[in-house]
N, C-alpha and C. Protein backbone atom coordinates (compact mmCIF):
# COMPACT_ATOMS: atom_id res chain seq x y z
N MET A 1 -65.80 -11.56 6.51
CA MET A 1 -64.92 -10.17 6.06
C MET A 1 -63.90 -9.96 7.39
N LYS A 2 -64.43 -9.90 8.48
CA LYS A 2 -63.37 -9.82 9.56
C LYS A 2 -62.12 -10.74 9.58
N LEU A 3 -62.66 -12.07 9.23
CA LEU A 3 -61.67 -13.12 9.38
C LEU A 3 -60.67 -12.73 8.16
N LEU A 4 -61.02 -12.43 6.80
CA LEU A 4 -60.25 -11.97 5.87
C LEU A 4 -59.40 -10.82 6.23
N ARG A 5 -59.69 -9.83 6.90
CA ARG A 5 -59.11 -8.65 7.40
C ARG A 5 -57.90 -9.04 8.15
N ARG A 6 -58.32 -10.03 9.18
CA ARG A 6 -57.47 -10.19 10.19
C ARG A 6 -56.21 -11.21 9.53
N ALA A 7 -56.57 -12.08 8.62
CA ALA A 7 -55.65 -12.85 7.82
C ALA A 7 -54.80 -11.86 7.11
N LEU A 8 -55.21 -10.84 6.61
CA LEU A 8 -54.44 -9.88 5.76
C LEU A 8 -53.45 -9.24 6.71
N ILE A 9 -54.00 -8.78 7.78
CA ILE A 9 -53.10 -8.27 8.82
C ILE A 9 -51.93 -8.87 9.19
N LEU A 10 -52.29 -10.25 9.35
CA LEU A 10 -51.22 -11.28 9.98
C LEU A 10 -50.08 -11.51 8.57
N ILE A 11 -50.71 -11.46 7.45
CA ILE A 11 -49.88 -11.66 6.36
C ILE A 11 -48.84 -10.52 6.37
N ILE A 12 -49.48 -9.37 6.51
CA ILE A 12 -48.52 -8.43 6.30
C ILE A 12 -47.63 -8.13 7.61
N LEU A 13 -48.27 -8.35 8.78
CA LEU A 13 -47.35 -8.00 9.99
C LEU A 13 -46.45 -9.20 10.26
N LEU A 14 -46.52 -10.35 10.00
CA LEU A 14 -45.57 -11.45 10.43
C LEU A 14 -44.18 -11.15 9.91
N PRO A 15 -44.00 -10.89 8.52
CA PRO A 15 -42.65 -10.71 7.99
C PRO A 15 -42.01 -9.52 8.70
N PHE A 16 -42.91 -8.43 8.95
CA PHE A 16 -42.28 -7.37 9.73
C PHE A 16 -41.86 -7.85 11.10
N LEU A 17 -42.61 -8.32 11.80
CA LEU A 17 -42.40 -8.94 13.19
C LEU A 17 -41.05 -9.58 13.03
N GLY A 18 -41.13 -10.70 12.38
CA GLY A 18 -39.79 -11.66 12.09
C GLY A 18 -38.68 -10.81 11.82
N SER A 19 -38.68 -9.74 10.83
CA SER A 19 -37.65 -9.06 10.73
C SER A 19 -37.13 -8.34 11.88
N MET A 20 -38.07 -7.82 12.63
CA MET A 20 -37.50 -6.90 13.97
C MET A 20 -37.06 -7.96 14.77
N ILE A 21 -37.74 -9.18 15.05
CA ILE A 21 -37.00 -10.03 15.99
C ILE A 21 -35.55 -10.51 15.55
N LEU A 22 -35.32 -10.71 14.24
CA LEU A 22 -34.01 -11.13 13.79
C LEU A 22 -33.07 -9.92 13.99
N PHE A 23 -33.44 -8.68 13.69
CA PHE A 23 -32.75 -7.45 13.91
C PHE A 23 -32.35 -7.34 15.27
N ILE A 24 -33.21 -7.72 16.34
CA ILE A 24 -32.86 -7.53 17.76
C ILE A 24 -31.92 -8.71 18.05
N MET A 25 -32.10 -9.77 17.77
CA MET A 25 -31.13 -10.96 17.84
C MET A 25 -29.86 -10.43 17.36
N LEU A 26 -29.62 -10.02 16.20
CA LEU A 26 -28.25 -9.75 15.64
C LEU A 26 -27.70 -8.59 16.28
N PHE A 27 -28.54 -7.58 16.69
CA PHE A 27 -27.87 -6.49 17.25
C PHE A 27 -27.37 -6.76 18.76
N SER A 28 -28.16 -7.86 19.51
CA SER A 28 -27.68 -8.18 20.84
C SER A 28 -26.52 -9.13 20.61
N MET A 29 -26.34 -9.85 19.64
CA MET A 29 -25.05 -10.65 19.44
C MET A 29 -23.78 -9.83 19.14
N SER A 30 -24.07 -8.69 18.32
CA SER A 30 -22.89 -7.90 18.07
C SER A 30 -22.59 -6.89 19.22
N ALA A 31 -23.49 -6.67 20.02
CA ALA A 31 -23.22 -5.79 21.29
C ALA A 31 -22.43 -6.72 22.25
N ASN A 32 -22.48 -8.07 22.30
CA ASN A 32 -21.79 -8.78 23.25
C ASN A 32 -20.30 -8.83 22.64
N ASN A 33 -20.14 -8.65 21.49
CA ASN A 33 -18.58 -8.62 21.00
C ASN A 33 -18.03 -7.32 21.48
N SER A 34 -16.94 -7.50 22.21
CA SER A 34 -16.24 -6.23 22.58
C SER A 34 -14.77 -6.03 22.13
N ASN A 35 -14.27 -4.93 22.37
CA ASN A 35 -12.97 -4.74 21.86
C ASN A 35 -11.93 -4.92 23.16
N ASP A 36 -12.18 -5.74 23.87
CA ASP A 36 -11.39 -5.97 25.22
C ASP A 36 -10.04 -6.75 25.08
N THR A 37 -10.10 -7.39 23.82
CA THR A 37 -8.73 -8.20 23.59
C THR A 37 -8.40 -7.96 22.02
N ILE A 38 -7.15 -8.29 22.05
CA ILE A 38 -6.81 -8.33 20.49
C ILE A 38 -6.26 -9.54 20.31
N ASP A 39 -7.20 -10.20 19.50
CA ASP A 39 -7.11 -11.76 19.39
C ASP A 39 -6.70 -12.32 17.91
N LYS A 40 -6.48 -11.29 17.06
CA LYS A 40 -6.29 -11.86 15.59
C LYS A 40 -5.38 -10.93 15.09
N ALA A 41 -4.42 -11.36 14.10
CA ALA A 41 -3.47 -10.54 13.48
C ALA A 41 -4.17 -9.69 12.33
N ALA A 42 -3.89 -8.53 12.25
CA ALA A 42 -4.38 -7.65 11.27
C ALA A 42 -3.37 -7.88 10.09
N SER A 43 -3.80 -7.57 8.91
CA SER A 43 -2.75 -7.45 7.87
C SER A 43 -2.45 -5.91 7.53
N LEU A 44 -1.43 -5.58 7.05
CA LEU A 44 -0.86 -4.17 6.77
C LEU A 44 -0.89 -4.25 5.34
N SER A 45 -1.27 -3.07 4.85
CA SER A 45 -1.05 -2.75 3.39
C SER A 45 0.46 -2.81 3.09
N PRO A 46 0.59 -3.17 1.69
CA PRO A 46 2.06 -2.97 1.14
C PRO A 46 2.71 -1.66 1.51
N LEU A 47 1.78 -0.78 1.26
CA LEU A 47 2.25 0.64 1.36
C LEU A 47 2.74 0.96 2.84
N VAL A 48 1.86 0.44 3.61
CA VAL A 48 2.36 0.67 5.26
C VAL A 48 3.62 -0.01 5.43
N MET A 49 3.77 -1.30 4.91
CA MET A 49 4.79 -2.21 5.16
C MET A 49 6.11 -1.43 4.48
N SER A 50 6.02 -0.67 3.41
CA SER A 50 7.00 -0.01 2.81
C SER A 50 7.68 1.01 3.69
N TYR A 51 7.17 1.55 4.76
CA TYR A 51 7.46 2.44 5.80
C TYR A 51 8.33 1.92 6.81
N ARG A 52 8.15 0.46 7.03
CA ARG A 52 8.75 -0.22 8.13
C ARG A 52 10.14 0.27 8.47
N PRO A 53 11.16 0.34 7.60
CA PRO A 53 12.48 0.65 7.96
C PRO A 53 12.58 2.08 8.43
N TYR A 54 11.73 2.98 7.82
CA TYR A 54 11.92 4.36 8.61
C TYR A 54 11.21 4.31 9.79
N VAL A 55 10.11 3.75 10.03
CA VAL A 55 9.37 3.56 11.28
C VAL A 55 10.35 3.03 12.36
N GLU A 56 11.05 1.95 11.97
CA GLU A 56 12.16 1.32 12.90
C GLU A 56 13.13 2.29 13.39
N LYS A 57 13.47 3.16 12.48
CA LYS A 57 14.61 4.14 12.80
C LYS A 57 14.02 5.21 13.62
N VAL A 58 12.87 5.88 13.30
CA VAL A 58 12.32 6.76 14.15
C VAL A 58 11.82 6.28 15.44
N ALA A 59 11.33 5.17 15.55
CA ALA A 59 10.89 4.36 16.79
C ALA A 59 12.04 4.54 17.79
N LYS A 60 13.21 4.00 17.19
CA LYS A 60 14.46 3.76 17.95
C LYS A 60 14.94 5.10 18.63
N GLU A 61 14.81 6.15 17.68
CA GLU A 61 15.19 7.44 18.18
C GLU A 61 14.46 8.10 19.28
N ASN A 62 13.03 7.58 19.12
CA ASN A 62 12.28 8.05 20.36
C ASN A 62 11.93 6.99 21.48
N GLY A 63 12.99 6.13 21.49
CA GLY A 63 12.92 5.11 22.65
C GLY A 63 11.70 4.31 22.65
N ILE A 64 10.98 3.92 21.49
CA ILE A 64 9.84 3.07 21.43
C ILE A 64 9.92 1.92 20.39
N GLU A 65 11.38 1.52 20.24
CA GLU A 65 11.60 0.54 19.07
C GLU A 65 10.72 -0.75 19.43
N ASP A 66 10.35 -1.18 20.49
CA ASP A 66 9.45 -2.22 20.74
C ASP A 66 8.01 -2.17 20.05
N TYR A 67 7.77 -0.89 19.82
CA TYR A 67 6.44 -0.57 19.38
C TYR A 67 6.25 -0.40 17.95
N VAL A 68 7.08 -0.80 17.13
CA VAL A 68 7.19 -0.68 15.64
C VAL A 68 5.78 -1.10 15.10
N ASP A 69 5.38 -2.47 15.53
CA ASP A 69 4.25 -3.10 15.07
C ASP A 69 2.94 -2.20 15.41
N LEU A 70 2.90 -1.55 16.53
CA LEU A 70 1.73 -0.82 16.92
C LEU A 70 1.83 0.56 15.98
N ILE A 71 2.98 1.21 15.87
CA ILE A 71 3.17 2.23 14.97
C ILE A 71 2.42 2.04 13.53
N LEU A 72 2.90 0.93 13.00
CA LEU A 72 2.27 0.46 11.64
C LEU A 72 0.82 0.27 11.65
N ALA A 73 0.42 -0.38 12.76
CA ALA A 73 -1.10 -0.61 12.92
C ALA A 73 -1.88 0.59 13.00
N VAL A 74 -1.34 1.70 13.85
CA VAL A 74 -1.81 2.98 13.84
C VAL A 74 -1.81 3.59 12.36
N MET A 75 -0.75 3.49 11.69
CA MET A 75 -0.71 3.99 10.30
C MET A 75 -1.84 3.42 9.41
N GLN A 76 -1.82 2.16 9.54
CA GLN A 76 -2.79 1.27 8.66
C GLN A 76 -4.32 1.70 8.91
N ILE A 77 -4.55 2.04 10.29
CA ILE A 77 -5.99 2.53 10.63
C ILE A 77 -6.10 3.88 10.11
N GLU A 78 -5.28 4.82 10.41
CA GLU A 78 -5.41 6.10 10.06
C GLU A 78 -5.36 6.41 8.56
N SER A 79 -4.63 5.74 7.66
CA SER A 79 -4.52 6.21 6.23
C SER A 79 -4.21 5.02 5.47
N GLU A 80 -3.95 3.88 5.93
CA GLU A 80 -3.42 2.71 5.12
C GLU A 80 -2.08 3.09 4.41
N GLY A 81 -1.55 4.03 4.86
CA GLY A 81 -0.23 4.29 4.23
C GLY A 81 -0.30 5.38 3.20
N ASN A 82 -1.77 5.78 2.74
CA ASN A 82 -1.72 6.69 1.65
C ASN A 82 -1.69 8.20 2.07
N GLY A 83 -1.44 9.01 1.14
CA GLY A 83 -1.28 10.45 1.15
C GLY A 83 0.08 10.78 1.69
N MET A 84 0.13 12.09 1.89
CA MET A 84 1.43 12.97 2.41
C MET A 84 1.36 12.89 3.78
N ASP A 85 0.34 12.61 4.68
CA ASP A 85 0.17 12.53 6.15
C ASP A 85 -0.27 11.23 6.58
N PRO A 86 0.48 10.17 6.41
CA PRO A 86 -0.01 8.81 6.69
C PRO A 86 -0.08 8.30 8.16
N MET A 87 0.40 9.28 8.85
CA MET A 87 0.23 9.03 10.38
C MET A 87 -0.94 9.89 10.79
N GLN A 88 -1.62 10.86 9.85
CA GLN A 88 -2.59 11.70 10.30
C GLN A 88 -2.27 12.69 11.42
N ALA A 89 -0.94 13.05 11.41
CA ALA A 89 -0.33 13.65 12.45
C ALA A 89 -0.41 15.23 12.56
N SER A 90 -1.13 15.84 11.45
CA SER A 90 -0.81 17.19 11.22
C SER A 90 -1.51 18.05 12.37
N GLU A 91 -2.63 17.62 13.22
CA GLU A 91 -2.94 18.34 14.20
C GLU A 91 -2.12 18.12 15.72
N SER A 92 -1.11 17.45 15.57
CA SER A 92 -0.38 17.14 16.85
C SER A 92 0.47 18.31 17.31
N SER A 93 0.57 18.35 18.54
CA SER A 93 1.39 19.43 19.10
C SER A 93 2.83 19.35 18.73
N PHE A 94 3.32 18.25 18.16
CA PHE A 94 4.71 18.03 17.77
C PHE A 94 4.78 18.55 16.41
N ASN A 95 3.78 18.75 15.64
CA ASN A 95 3.78 19.36 14.24
C ASN A 95 4.25 20.86 14.45
N GLU A 96 5.46 21.13 14.03
CA GLU A 96 5.96 22.57 14.24
C GLU A 96 6.29 23.14 12.59
N ARG A 97 6.00 22.31 11.68
CA ARG A 97 6.36 22.77 10.25
C ARG A 97 5.07 23.27 9.54
N TYR A 98 4.03 22.50 9.67
CA TYR A 98 2.88 22.82 8.86
C TYR A 98 1.70 23.39 9.73
N PRO A 99 0.54 23.77 9.07
CA PRO A 99 -0.63 24.21 9.76
C PRO A 99 -1.15 22.85 10.54
N ARG A 100 -1.83 23.25 11.94
CA ARG A 100 -2.22 22.12 12.41
C ARG A 100 -3.77 22.06 12.22
N GLN A 101 -3.85 21.44 11.03
CA GLN A 101 -5.28 21.39 10.52
C GLN A 101 -5.25 19.90 9.78
N PRO A 102 -6.33 19.30 9.57
CA PRO A 102 -6.27 17.93 8.93
C PRO A 102 -5.63 17.84 7.62
N ASN A 103 -4.66 16.81 7.51
CA ASN A 103 -3.93 16.63 6.20
C ASN A 103 -3.06 17.75 5.60
N ALA A 104 -2.71 18.63 6.64
CA ALA A 104 -1.76 19.74 6.32
C ALA A 104 -0.26 19.28 6.08
N ILE A 105 0.07 18.26 6.57
CA ILE A 105 1.50 17.86 6.53
C ILE A 105 1.63 17.21 5.09
N MET A 106 2.74 17.61 4.34
CA MET A 106 2.92 17.37 2.92
C MET A 106 4.22 16.62 2.73
N ASP A 107 4.63 15.77 3.78
CA ASP A 107 5.84 15.00 3.83
C ASP A 107 5.54 13.87 4.55
N PRO A 108 5.44 12.70 3.88
CA PRO A 108 5.07 11.50 4.68
C PRO A 108 6.04 11.13 5.83
N PHE A 109 7.48 11.38 5.40
CA PHE A 109 8.35 10.93 6.58
C PHE A 109 8.21 11.84 7.82
N TYR A 110 7.87 13.24 7.39
CA TYR A 110 7.85 14.20 8.55
C TYR A 110 6.51 13.69 9.35
N SER A 111 5.44 13.28 8.65
CA SER A 111 4.12 12.86 9.36
C SER A 111 4.62 11.55 10.27
N ILE A 112 5.53 10.67 9.91
CA ILE A 112 5.93 9.65 10.56
C ILE A 112 6.67 10.08 11.87
N ASP A 113 7.52 11.14 11.66
CA ASP A 113 8.41 11.65 12.86
C ASP A 113 7.29 12.19 13.84
N VAL A 114 6.46 12.99 13.40
CA VAL A 114 5.26 13.59 14.23
C VAL A 114 4.51 12.56 14.99
N GLY A 115 3.99 11.74 14.27
CA GLY A 115 3.22 10.50 14.78
C GLY A 115 3.91 9.80 15.76
N VAL A 116 4.98 9.38 15.47
CA VAL A 116 5.97 8.81 16.62
C VAL A 116 6.19 9.28 17.75
N LYS A 117 6.36 10.69 17.74
CA LYS A 117 6.55 11.42 18.92
C LYS A 117 5.36 11.48 19.72
N GLU A 118 4.21 11.62 18.85
CA GLU A 118 2.81 11.67 19.47
C GLU A 118 2.56 10.46 20.23
N LEU A 119 2.80 9.34 19.58
CA LEU A 119 2.46 7.97 20.15
C LEU A 119 3.36 7.79 21.38
N ALA A 120 4.65 8.12 21.39
CA ALA A 120 5.69 7.94 22.56
C ALA A 120 5.02 8.72 23.57
N SER A 121 4.60 9.95 23.32
CA SER A 121 4.20 10.83 24.53
C SER A 121 2.88 10.15 25.01
N ASN A 122 2.05 9.61 24.31
CA ASN A 122 0.75 8.98 24.63
C ASN A 122 0.97 7.73 25.58
N LEU A 123 1.96 6.97 25.11
CA LEU A 123 2.35 5.65 25.79
C LEU A 123 2.96 6.05 27.16
N LYS A 124 3.52 7.17 27.26
CA LYS A 124 4.18 7.61 28.60
C LYS A 124 3.07 8.01 29.36
N THR A 125 2.17 9.02 29.03
CA THR A 125 1.06 9.22 29.70
C THR A 125 0.19 8.18 30.17
N ALA A 126 0.11 7.15 29.19
CA ALA A 126 -0.96 6.05 29.70
C ALA A 126 -0.26 4.94 30.50
N GLU A 127 0.97 5.34 30.92
CA GLU A 127 2.00 4.42 31.77
C GLU A 127 1.93 3.00 31.13
N VAL A 128 2.22 3.10 29.94
CA VAL A 128 2.25 1.56 29.11
C VAL A 128 3.73 1.11 29.54
N SER A 129 3.84 -0.09 30.15
CA SER A 129 4.93 -0.72 30.74
C SER A 129 5.77 -1.53 29.74
N SER A 130 5.06 -1.95 28.76
CA SER A 130 5.84 -2.79 27.58
C SER A 130 4.71 -2.87 26.31
N ALA A 131 5.23 -3.59 25.29
CA ALA A 131 4.53 -3.67 24.04
C ALA A 131 3.38 -4.54 24.37
N THR A 132 3.45 -5.42 25.41
CA THR A 132 2.30 -6.30 25.65
C THR A 132 1.47 -6.06 26.71
N ASP A 133 1.52 -4.56 27.10
CA ASP A 133 0.67 -4.10 28.06
C ASP A 133 -0.63 -3.60 27.45
N ILE A 134 -1.31 -4.47 27.05
CA ILE A 134 -2.69 -4.17 26.16
C ILE A 134 -3.64 -3.16 26.81
N GLN A 135 -3.83 -3.49 28.29
CA GLN A 135 -4.76 -2.68 28.98
C GLN A 135 -4.53 -1.21 28.75
N ASN A 136 -3.01 -0.80 29.14
CA ASN A 136 -2.88 0.42 29.23
C ASN A 136 -2.48 1.07 27.64
N ILE A 137 -2.14 0.13 26.85
CA ILE A 137 -2.12 0.56 25.32
C ILE A 137 -3.50 0.98 24.88
N LYS A 138 -4.64 0.27 25.20
CA LYS A 138 -5.89 0.67 24.64
C LYS A 138 -6.45 2.04 25.29
N VAL A 139 -5.85 2.44 26.48
CA VAL A 139 -6.26 3.90 26.81
C VAL A 139 -5.88 4.70 25.79
């Protein structure tokens, strides 16, 4: 009877222990991956890409024309270009037209204006020297 009970406990516990070991191994592998490098190109949605000409214009006006790809990447992450506030810039101090609350901007071009100003300010604060200064851009 004791032998049967031990065998049943092993049959029940082994899959559980195996799952735990697998989980720990997978977690430790993912913990070793870091965001210290930008090593692959991301794809931008067609909607984000449709804003490129306007982003280029506004970036030039704000002295950050070399950062158009970064601006588009921010837009991709923030909204994928969707909605009236594609840069998610409503809460920025540069927003002077709409309430400073999430998604309050109702004009995508104004959102880009505000978002580019915010990014230009952040690049300056982080002392980013160029579009390839990844260390300071990550700040």
